[in-house]
């Protein structure tokens, strides 16, 4: 199990808040519209017709503002516009042998100075174009090329995830054939296996030294409160010691455990 929270300095949105926001179709539609054109509340309400009241639109906008996803601009209350105020990416993988949620949220500064055409590598060719129509065609072609490249990367990622799942399945076969009897003698065999697979789901995170706190987070023990967390922390330490005695990919040194692959 692998769950990655944003690693930026300014963390202002949790995974639960993110799912709450994106789980609502009205908020998704608002974000879709604001990603294209800054709009006022009345304009958004008009685009929904009679299905959603203006008051409900204001409520959704306030929630998005509170979480830093959008911001308002303009001084006159009658002409306030809303626009997106963050870069957000979300990726979810769920298979019978693999579970991963990765997301990143970064607040934007008001100037957007970090986005410049010269950084794309094609600004010299673009500057040679004189007419607006040809500039539009050039930009459209570049966007199409990027979309095609993203599609190719997604296909490659699908193949890599397939290969990773194959390796995980073989890993589980080894555990079943070689270590299942030993693990079944324990009081919590499933917990020991869950620890083992959590480490192998993301070896880079735990390579060399196993961080117990990260392991607790990835196994969702942090959601159980501090007392249960401490109890499970003790259990995990004992189970890691058992794994280090059983398999040479784990090694104990004083109170630290090392994952060597």
C-alpha atoms as a PDB file:
ATOM      1  CA  UNK A   1       0.000   0.000   0.000  1.00  0.00           C
ATOM      2  CA  UNK A   2       1.440   3.342  -0.998  1.00  0.00           C
ATOM      3  CA  UNK A   3      -0.063   6.701  -0.187  1.00  0.00           C
ATOM      4  CA  UNK A   4       1.889   9.860  -0.855  1.00  0.00           C
ATOM      5  CA  UNK A   5       0.896  13.225   0.576  1.00  0.00           C
ATOM      6  CA  UNK A   6       2.196  16.450  -0.969  1.00  0.00           C
ATOM      7  CA  UNK A   7       5.847  17.034  -0.106  1.00  0.00           C
ATOM      8  CA  UNK A   8       5.798  20.817  -0.657  1.00  0.00           C
ATOM      9  CA  UNK A   9       6.476  23.328   2.066  1.00  0.00           C
ATOM     10  CA  UNK A  10       2.954  24.749   1.952  1.00  0.00           C
ATOM     11  CA  UNK A  11       0.616  21.802   2.487  1.00  0.00           C
ATOM     12  CA  UNK A  12      -2.916  23.160   2.619  1.00  0.00           C
ATOM     13  CA  UNK A  13      -5.068  20.315   1.290  1.00  0.00           C
ATOM     14  CA  UNK A  14      -5.322  16.760   2.627  1.00  0.00           C
ATOM     15  CA  UNK A  15      -6.221  13.696   0.576  1.00  0.00           C
ATOM     16  CA  UNK A  16      -9.621  13.507   2.322  1.00  0.00           C
ATOM     17  CA  UNK A  17     -10.373  17.142   1.493  1.00  0.00           C
ATOM     18  CA  UNK A  18      -9.269  16.554  -2.075  1.00  0.00           C
ATOM     19  CA  UNK A  19     -11.636  13.610  -2.530  1.00  0.00           C
ATOM     20  CA  UNK A  20     -14.440  15.605  -0.950  1.00  0.00           C
ATOM     21  CA  UNK A  21     -13.873  18.426  -3.432  1.00  0.00           C
ATOM     22  CA  UNK A  22     -13.491  16.313  -6.559  1.00  0.00           C
ATOM     23  CA  UNK A  23     -16.241  13.896  -5.534  1.00  0.00           C
ATOM     24  CA  UNK A  24     -18.862  16.576  -6.089  1.00  0.00           C
ATOM     25  CA  UNK A  25     -19.923  16.963  -9.763  1.00  0.00           C
ATOM     26  CA  UNK A  26     -20.918  20.608  -9.288  1.00  0.00           C
ATOM     27  CA  UNK A  27     -17.466  21.535  -7.997  1.00  0.00           C
ATOM     28  CA  UNK A  28     -15.827  19.590 -10.818  1.00  0.00           C
ATOM     29  CA  UNK A  29     -17.903  21.529 -13.355  1.00  0.00           C
ATOM     30  CA  UNK A  30     -17.029  24.843 -11.700  1.00  0.00           C
ATOM     31  CA  UNK A  31     -13.326  24.000 -11.823  1.00  0.00           C
ATOM     32  CA  UNK A  32     -13.618  22.942 -15.450  1.00  0.00           C
ATOM     33  CA  UNK A  33     -15.187  26.260 -16.386  1.00  0.00           C
ATOM     34  CA  UNK A  34     -12.774  28.387 -14.335  1.00  0.00           C
ATOM     35  CA  UNK A  35      -9.803  26.589 -15.880  1.00  0.00           C
ATOM     36  CA  UNK A  36     -10.871  28.060 -19.213  1.00  0.00           C
ATOM     37  CA  UNK A  37     -12.230  31.503 -18.317  1.00  0.00           C
ATOM     38  CA  UNK A  38     -12.466  33.515 -15.042  1.00  0.00           C
ATOM     39  CA  UNK A  39     -16.169  33.794 -14.220  1.00  0.00           C
ATOM     40  CA  UNK A  40     -18.437  35.522 -11.726  1.00  0.00           C
ATOM     41  CA  UNK A  41     -20.959  33.736  -9.523  1.00  0.00           C
ATOM     42  CA  UNK A  42     -23.882  34.962 -11.641  1.00  0.00           C
ATOM     43  CA  UNK A  43     -22.213  33.694 -14.832  1.00  0.00           C
ATOM     44  CA  UNK A  44     -21.612  30.307 -13.237  1.00  0.00           C
ATOM     45  CA  UNK A  45     -25.193  30.161 -11.977  1.00  0.00           C
ATOM     46  CA  UNK A  46     -26.493  31.001 -15.454  1.00  0.00           C
ATOM     47  CA  UNK A  47     -24.450  28.177 -16.978  1.00  0.00           C
ATOM     48  CA  UNK A  48     -26.122  25.681 -14.625  1.00  0.00           C
ATOM     49  CA  UNK A  49     -29.601  26.925 -15.477  1.00  0.00           C
ATOM     50  CA  UNK A  50     -32.292  26.115 -12.926  1.00  0.00           C
ATOM     51  CA  UNK A  51     -30.591  22.947 -11.689  1.00  0.00           C
ATOM     52  CA  UNK A  52     -28.514  24.765  -9.048  1.00  0.00           C
ATOM     53  CA  UNK A  53     -29.385  27.957  -7.188  1.00  0.00           C
ATOM     54  CA  UNK A  54     -27.124  30.971  -7.043  1.00  0.00           C
ATOM     55  CA  UNK A  55     -26.867  30.492  -3.273  1.00  0.00           C
ATOM     56  CA  UNK A  56     -25.579  26.943  -3.817  1.00  0.00           C
ATOM     57  CA  UNK A  57     -23.000  28.250  -6.296  1.00  0.00           C
ATOM     58  CA  UNK A  58     -21.754  30.743  -3.695  1.00  0.00           C
ATOM     59  CA  UNK A  59     -21.485  27.921  -1.167  1.00  0.00           C
ATOM     60  CA  UNK A  60     -19.384  25.808  -3.555  1.00  0.00           C
ATOM     61  CA  UNK A  61     -17.168  28.789  -4.420  1.00  0.00           C
ATOM     62  CA  UNK A  62     -16.566  29.521  -0.738  1.00  0.00           C
ATOM     63  CA  UNK A  63     -15.434  25.944  -0.117  1.00  0.00           C
ATOM     64  CA  UNK A  64     -13.017  26.061  -3.051  1.00  0.00           C
ATOM     65  CA  UNK A  65     -11.652  29.394  -1.798  1.00  0.00           C
ATOM     66  CA  UNK A  66     -11.247  28.091   1.759  1.00  0.00           C
ATOM     67  CA  UNK A  67      -9.090  25.227   0.482  1.00  0.00           C
ATOM     68  CA  UNK A  68      -7.016  27.548  -1.694  1.00  0.00           C
ATOM     69  CA  UNK A  69      -8.102  25.942  -4.967  1.00  0.00           C
ATOM     70  CA  UNK A  70      -9.574  29.152  -6.378  1.00  0.00           C
ATOM     71  CA  UNK A  71      -9.390  32.850  -5.548  1.00  0.00           C
ATOM     72  CA  UNK A  72     -11.532  35.898  -6.246  1.00  0.00           C
ATOM     73  CA  UNK A  73     -10.306  39.125  -7.805  1.00  0.00           C
ATOM     74  CA  UNK A  74     -11.952  42.487  -8.245  1.00  0.00           C
ATOM     75  CA  UNK A  75     -13.099  45.136  -5.754  1.00  0.00           C
ATOM     76  CA  UNK A  76     -16.675  45.738  -6.857  1.00  0.00           C
ATOM     77  CA  UNK A  77     -18.871  42.929  -5.383  1.00  0.00           C
ATOM     78  CA  UNK A  78     -20.982  43.028  -8.551  1.00  0.00           C
ATOM     79  CA  UNK A  79     -18.027  42.258 -10.811  1.00  0.00           C
ATOM     80  CA  UNK A  80     -15.957  39.805  -8.751  1.00  0.00           C
ATOM     81  CA  UNK A  81     -14.463  37.027 -10.842  1.00  0.00           C
ATOM     82  CA  UNK A  82     -13.093  33.682  -9.716  1.00  0.00           C
ATOM     83  CA  UNK A  83     -10.063  31.861 -11.059  1.00  0.00           C
ATOM     84  CA  UNK A  84      -8.039  28.784 -10.177  1.00  0.00           C
ATOM     85  CA  UNK A  85      -5.256  29.445  -7.688  1.00  0.00           C
ATOM     86  CA  UNK A  86      -3.339  26.149  -7.583  1.00  0.00           C
ATOM     87  CA  UNK A  87      -1.643  23.475  -9.638  1.00  0.00           C
ATOM     88  CA  UNK A  88      -3.072  20.107  -8.647  1.00  0.00           C
ATOM     89  CA  UNK A  89      -2.285  16.617  -9.890  1.00  0.00           C
ATOM     90  CA  UNK A  90      -3.892  13.375  -8.754  1.00  0.00           C
ATOM     91  CA  UNK A  91      -3.125   9.799  -9.750  1.00  0.00           C
ATOM     92  CA  UNK A  92      -4.842   6.671  -8.423  1.00  0.00           C
ATOM     93  CA  UNK A  93      -3.911   3.063  -9.150  1.00  0.00           C
ATOM     94  CA  UNK A  94      -6.050   0.231  -7.783  1.00  0.00           C
ATOM     95  CA  UNK A  95      -5.528  -3.385  -8.828  1.00  0.00           C
ATOM     96  CA  UNK A  96      -5.950  -6.708  -6.974  1.00  0.00           C
ATOM     97  CA  UNK A  97      -2.255  -6.549  -6.059  1.00  0.00           C
ATOM     98  CA  UNK A  98      -1.445  -2.852  -5.939  1.00  0.00           C
ATOM     99  CA  UNK A  99      -2.915   0.288  -4.400  1.00  0.00           C
ATOM    100  CA  UNK A 100      -1.420   3.747  -4.806  1.00  0.00           C
ATOM    101  CA  UNK A 101      -2.630   7.325  -4.420  1.00  0.00           C
ATOM    102  CA  UNK A 102      -0.295  10.144  -5.324  1.00  0.00           C
ATOM    103  CA  UNK A 103      -1.187  13.802  -5.429  1.00  0.00           C
ATOM    104  CA  UNK A 104       0.508  17.155  -5.359  1.00  0.00           C
ATOM    105  CA  UNK A 105      -0.934  20.603  -4.743  1.00  0.00           C
ATOM    106  CA  UNK A 106       1.024  23.837  -5.127  1.00  0.00           C
ATOM    107  CA  UNK A 107      -0.364  27.316  -4.589  1.00  0.00           C
ATOM    108  CA  UNK A 108       0.266  29.723  -7.433  1.00  0.00           C
ATOM    109  CA  UNK A 109       1.556  33.234  -7.057  1.00  0.00           C
ATOM    110  CA  UNK A 110      -0.559  35.961  -8.589  1.00  0.00           C
ATOM    111  CA  UNK A 111       1.901  36.891 -11.315  1.00  0.00           C
ATOM    112  CA  UNK A 112       2.402  33.459 -12.904  1.00  0.00           C
ATOM    113  CA  UNK A 113       5.880  34.734 -13.865  1.00  0.00           C
ATOM    114  CA  UNK A 114       7.163  31.183 -13.758  1.00  0.00           C
ATOM    115  CA  UNK A 115       5.254  30.355 -16.963  1.00  0.00           C
ATOM    116  CA  UNK A 116       7.082  31.822 -19.934  1.00  0.00           C
ATOM    117  CA  UNK A 117       7.071  30.791 -23.571  1.00  0.00           C
ATOM    118  CA  UNK A 118      10.851  30.994 -23.760  1.00  0.00           C
ATOM    119  CA  UNK A 119      11.094  28.019 -21.395  1.00  0.00           C
ATOM    120  CA  UNK A 120       9.371  25.726 -23.909  1.00  0.00           C
ATOM    121  CA  UNK A 121      12.274  25.668 -26.366  1.00  0.00           C
ATOM    122  CA  UNK A 122      10.189  26.782 -29.345  1.00  0.00           C
ATOM    123  CA  UNK A 123       9.948  30.523 -28.700  1.00  0.00           C
ATOM    124  CA  UNK A 124      12.491  31.371 -31.435  1.00  0.00           C
ATOM    125  CA  UNK A 125      10.389  29.631 -34.095  1.00  0.00           C
ATOM    126  CA  UNK A 126       7.276  31.248 -32.686  1.00  0.00           C
ATOM    127  CA  UNK A 127       8.782  34.752 -32.861  1.00  0.00           C
ATOM    128  CA  UNK A 128       9.409  34.307 -36.577  1.00  0.00           C
ATOM    129  CA  UNK A 129       5.693  33.917 -37.248  1.00  0.00           C
ATOM    130  CA  UNK A 130       4.006  37.165 -38.240  1.00  0.00           C
ATOM    131  CA  UNK A 131       0.273  36.583 -38.657  1.00  0.00           C
ATOM    132  CA  UNK A 132      -2.157  35.727 -35.806  1.00  0.00           C
ATOM    133  CA  UNK A 133      -3.687  32.839 -37.786  1.00  0.00           C
ATOM    134  CA  UNK A 134      -0.334  31.165 -38.263  1.00  0.00           C
ATOM    135  CA  UNK A 135       0.518  31.709 -34.594  1.00  0.00           C
ATOM    136  CA  UNK A 136      -2.740  30.000 -33.621  1.00  0.00           C
ATOM    137  CA  UNK A 137      -1.955  27.074 -35.906  1.00  0.00           C
ATOM    138  CA  UNK A 138       1.585  26.806 -34.509  1.00  0.00           C
ATOM    139  CA  UNK A 139       0.358  26.782 -30.909  1.00  0.00           C
ATOM    140  CA  UNK A 140      -2.369  24.262 -31.740  1.00  0.00           C
ATOM    141  CA  UNK A 141       0.153  21.921 -33.328  1.00  0.00           C
ATOM    142  CA  UNK A 142       2.441  22.179 -30.288  1.00  0.00           C
ATOM    143  CA  UNK A 143      -0.436  21.398 -27.933  1.00  0.00           C
ATOM    144  CA  UNK A 144      -1.387  18.414 -30.100  1.00  0.00           C
ATOM    145  CA  UNK A 145       2.211  17.148 -30.007  1.00  0.00           C
ATOM    146  CA  UNK A 146       2.244  17.414 -26.220  1.00  0.00           C
ATOM    147  CA  UNK A 147      -1.016  15.497 -25.931  1.00  0.00           C
ATOM    148  CA  UNK A 148       0.376  12.768 -28.151  1.00  0.00           C
ATOM    149  CA  UNK A 149       3.524  12.588 -26.014  1.00  0.00           C
ATOM    150  CA  UNK A 150       1.436  12.389 -22.838  1.00  0.00           C
ATOM    151  CA  UNK A 151      -0.567   9.573 -24.406  1.00  0.00           C
ATOM    152  CA  UNK A 152       2.632   7.688 -25.212  1.00  0.00           C
ATOM    153  CA  UNK A 153       3.872   8.170 -21.654  1.00  0.00           C
ATOM    154  CA  UNK A 154       0.564   6.871 -20.289  1.00  0.00           C
ATOM    155  CA  UNK A 155       0.882   3.754 -22.452  1.00  0.00           C
ATOM    156  CA  UNK A 156       4.429   3.234 -21.198  1.00  0.00           C
ATOM    157  CA  UNK A 157       3.262   3.760 -17.615  1.00  0.00           C
ATOM    158  CA  UNK A 158       0.505   1.170 -18.087  1.00  0.00           C
ATOM    159  CA  UNK A 159       3.101  -1.366 -19.242  1.00  0.00           C
ATOM    160  CA  UNK A 160       5.357  -0.549 -16.279  1.00  0.00           C
ATOM    161  CA  UNK A 161       2.474  -0.931 -13.815  1.00  0.00           C
ATOM    162  CA  UNK A 162       1.594  -4.267 -15.431  1.00  0.00           C
ATOM    163  CA  UNK A 163       5.185  -5.431 -14.982  1.00  0.00           C
ATOM    164  CA  UNK A 164       5.216  -4.217 -11.381  1.00  0.00           C
ATOM    165  CA  UNK A 165       2.040  -6.152 -10.632  1.00  0.00           C
ATOM    166  CA  UNK A 166       3.564  -9.294 -12.186  1.00  0.00           C
ATOM    167  CA  UNK A 167       6.591  -8.959  -9.882  1.00  0.00           C
ATOM    168  CA  UNK A 168       4.339  -8.419  -6.858  1.00  0.00           C
ATOM    169  CA  UNK A 169       2.332 -11.540  -7.719  1.00  0.00           C
ATOM    170  CA  UNK A 170       5.541 -13.555  -7.957  1.00  0.00           C
ATOM    171  CA  UNK A 171       6.609 -12.042  -4.639  1.00  0.00           C
ATOM    172  CA  UNK A 172       3.382 -13.286  -3.079  1.00  0.00           C
ATOM    173  CA  UNK A 173       3.952 -16.740  -4.579  1.00  0.00           C
ATOM    174  CA  UNK A 174       7.365 -16.909  -2.913  1.00  0.00           C
ATOM    175  CA  UNK A 175       5.860 -15.923   0.423  1.00  0.00           C
ATOM    176  CA  UNK A 176       3.136 -18.535   0.049  1.00  0.00           C
ATOM    177  CA  UNK A 177       5.512 -21.341  -0.976  1.00  0.00           C
ATOM    178  CA  UNK A 178       8.486 -20.594   1.274  1.00  0.00           C
ATOM    179  CA  UNK A 179       7.372 -18.570   4.288  1.00  0.00           C
ATOM    180  CA  UNK A 180       3.624 -19.061   4.698  1.00  0.00           C
ATOM    181  CA  UNK A 181       3.934 -21.763   7.360  1.00  0.00           C
ATOM    182  CA  UNK A 182       6.223 -19.592   9.451  1.00  0.00           C
ATOM    183  CA  UNK A 183       4.029 -16.520   9.133  1.00  0.00           C
ATOM    184  CA  UNK A 184       0.901 -18.484   9.983  1.00  0.00           C
ATOM    185  CA  UNK A 185       2.351 -19.396  13.368  1.00  0.00           C
ATOM    186  CA  UNK A 186       2.214 -15.767  14.378  1.00  0.00           C
ATOM    187  CA  UNK A 187      -0.688 -14.131  16.165  1.00  0.00           C
ATOM    188  CA  UNK A 188      -1.101 -11.545  13.393  1.00  0.00           C
ATOM    189  CA  UNK A 189       0.038 -13.193  10.146  1.00  0.00           C
ATOM    190  CA  UNK A 190      -1.826 -10.740   7.950  1.00  0.00           C
ATOM    191  CA  UNK A 191      -0.170  -7.776   9.629  1.00  0.00           C
ATOM    192  CA  UNK A 192       3.266  -9.241   9.022  1.00  0.00           C
ATOM    193  CA  UNK A 193       2.444  -9.836   5.377  1.00  0.00           C
ATOM    194  CA  UNK A 194       0.996  -6.347   5.046  1.00  0.00           C
ATOM    195  CA  UNK A 195       4.247  -4.877   6.378  1.00  0.00           C
ATOM    196  CA  UNK A 196       6.238  -6.965   3.930  1.00  0.00           C
ATOM    197  CA  UNK A 197       4.173  -5.968   0.898  1.00  0.00           C
ATOM    198  CA  UNK A 198       4.013  -2.291   1.915  1.00  0.00           C
ATOM    199  CA  UNK A 199       7.803  -2.173   1.867  1.00  0.00           C
ATOM    200  CA  UNK A 200       7.994  -3.853  -1.526  1.00  0.00           C
ATOM    201  CA  UNK A 201       5.283  -1.658  -3.070  1.00  0.00           C
ATOM    202  CA  UNK A 202       7.673   1.288  -2.840  1.00  0.00           C
ATOM    203  CA  UNK A 203      11.229   0.053  -2.140  1.00  0.00           C
ATOM    204  CA  UNK A 204      12.676   3.492  -2.930  1.00  0.00           C
ATOM    205  CA  UNK A 205      10.851   5.029   0.056  1.00  0.00           C
ATOM    206  CA  UNK A 206      12.213   2.403   2.457  1.00  0.00           C
ATOM    207  CA  UNK A 207      15.497   1.503   0.791  1.00  0.00           C
ATOM    208  CA  UNK A 208      18.333   1.078   3.309  1.00  0.00           C
ATOM    209  CA  UNK A 209      16.555   2.415   6.398  1.00  0.00           C
ATOM    210  CA  UNK A 210      12.943   1.641   7.250  1.00  0.00           C
ATOM    211  CA  UNK A 211      11.126   4.681   8.619  1.00  0.00           C
ATOM    212  CA  UNK A 212       8.588   3.309  11.106  1.00  0.00           C
ATOM    213  CA  UNK A 213       6.467   6.474  11.053  1.00  0.00           C
ATOM    214  CA  UNK A 214       6.148   6.400   7.266  1.00  0.00           C
ATOM    215  CA  UNK A 215       5.252   2.722   7.488  1.00  0.00           C
ATOM    216  CA  UNK A 216       2.516   3.496  10.008  1.00  0.00           C
ATOM    217  CA  UNK A 217       1.169   6.218   7.705  1.00  0.00           C
ATOM    218  CA  UNK A 218       1.182   3.925   4.662  1.00  0.00           C
ATOM    219  CA  UNK A 219      -0.720   1.302   6.641  1.00  0.00           C
ATOM    220  CA  UNK A 220      -3.219   3.939   7.831  1.00  0.00           C
ATOM    221  CA  UNK A 221      -2.466   3.399  11.520  1.00  0.00           C
ATOM    222  CA  UNK A 222      -2.189   7.179  11.871  1.00  0.00           C
ATOM    223  CA  UNK A 223      -5.968   7.370  11.452  1.00  0.00           C
ATOM    224  CA  UNK A 224      -6.563   5.315  14.623  1.00  0.00           C
ATOM    225  CA  UNK A 225      -5.467   7.885  17.175  1.00  0.00           C
ATOM    226  CA  UNK A 226      -2.207   8.260  19.143  1.00  0.00           C
ATOM    227  CA  UNK A 227      -2.784   5.354  21.575  1.00  0.00           C
ATOM    228  CA  UNK A 228      -3.582   2.799  18.882  1.00  0.00           C
ATOM    229  CA  UNK A 229      -0.748   4.179  16.781  1.00  0.00           C
ATOM    230  CA  UNK A 230       1.761   3.626  19.584  1.00  0.00           C
ATOM    231  CA  UNK A 231       0.413   0.125  20.197  1.00  0.00           C
ATOM    232  CA  UNK A 232       0.797  -0.757  16.532  1.00  0.00           C
ATOM    233  CA  UNK A 233       4.231   0.830  16.448  1.00  0.00           C
ATOM    234  CA  UNK A 234       5.376  -1.654  19.100  1.00  0.00           C
ATOM    235  CA  UNK A 235       3.804  -4.538  17.147  1.00  0.00           C
ATOM    236  CA  UNK A 236       5.478  -3.465  13.912  1.00  0.00           C
ATOM    237  CA  UNK A 237       8.881  -3.256  15.594  1.00  0.00           C
ATOM    238  CA  UNK A 238       8.503  -6.843  16.823  1.00  0.00           C
ATOM    239  CA  UNK A 239       7.311  -8.053  13.424  1.00  0.00           C
ATOM    240  CA  UNK A 240      10.198  -6.320  11.657  1.00  0.00           C
ATOM    241  CA  UNK A 241      12.559  -8.133  14.006  1.00  0.00           C
ATOM    242  CA  UNK A 242      10.898 -11.415  13.049  1.00  0.00           C
ATOM    243  CA  UNK A 243      11.207 -10.599   9.351  1.00  0.00           C
ATOM    244  CA  UNK A 244      14.871  -9.679   9.754  1.00  0.00           C
ATOM    245  CA  UNK A 245      15.487 -13.072  11.405  1.00  0.00           C
ATOM    246  CA  UNK A 246      13.638 -14.863   8.636  1.00  0.00           C
ATOM    247  CA  UNK A 247      14.832 -13.096   5.457  1.00  0.00           C
ATOM    248  CA  UNK A 248      18.201 -11.616   4.611  1.00  0.00           C
ATOM    249  CA  UNK A 249      16.627  -8.650   2.772  1.00  0.00           C
ATOM    250  CA  UNK A 250      15.890  -7.203   6.223  1.00  0.00           C
ATOM    251  CA  UNK A 251      18.584  -6.335   8.725  1.00  0.00           C
ATOM    252  CA  UNK A 252      18.341  -5.043  12.287  1.00  0.00           C
ATOM    253  CA  UNK A 253      20.893  -2.734  13.871  1.00  0.00           C
ATOM    254  CA  UNK A 254      19.997  -1.653  17.410  1.00  0.00           C
ATOM    255  CA  UNK A 255      16.548  -0.063  17.054  1.00  0.00           C
ATOM    256  CA  UNK A 256      16.775   0.496  13.290  1.00  0.00           C
ATOM    257  CA  UNK A 257      15.806  -1.854  10.483  1.00  0.00           C
ATOM    258  CA  UNK A 258      17.360  -1.797   7.051  1.00  0.00           C
ATOM    259  CA  UNK A 259      15.793  -2.932   3.813  1.00  0.00           C
ATOM    260  CA  UNK A 260      18.536  -4.114   1.440  1.00  0.00           C
ATOM    261  CA  UNK A 261      17.580  -5.103  -2.096  1.00  0.00           C
END
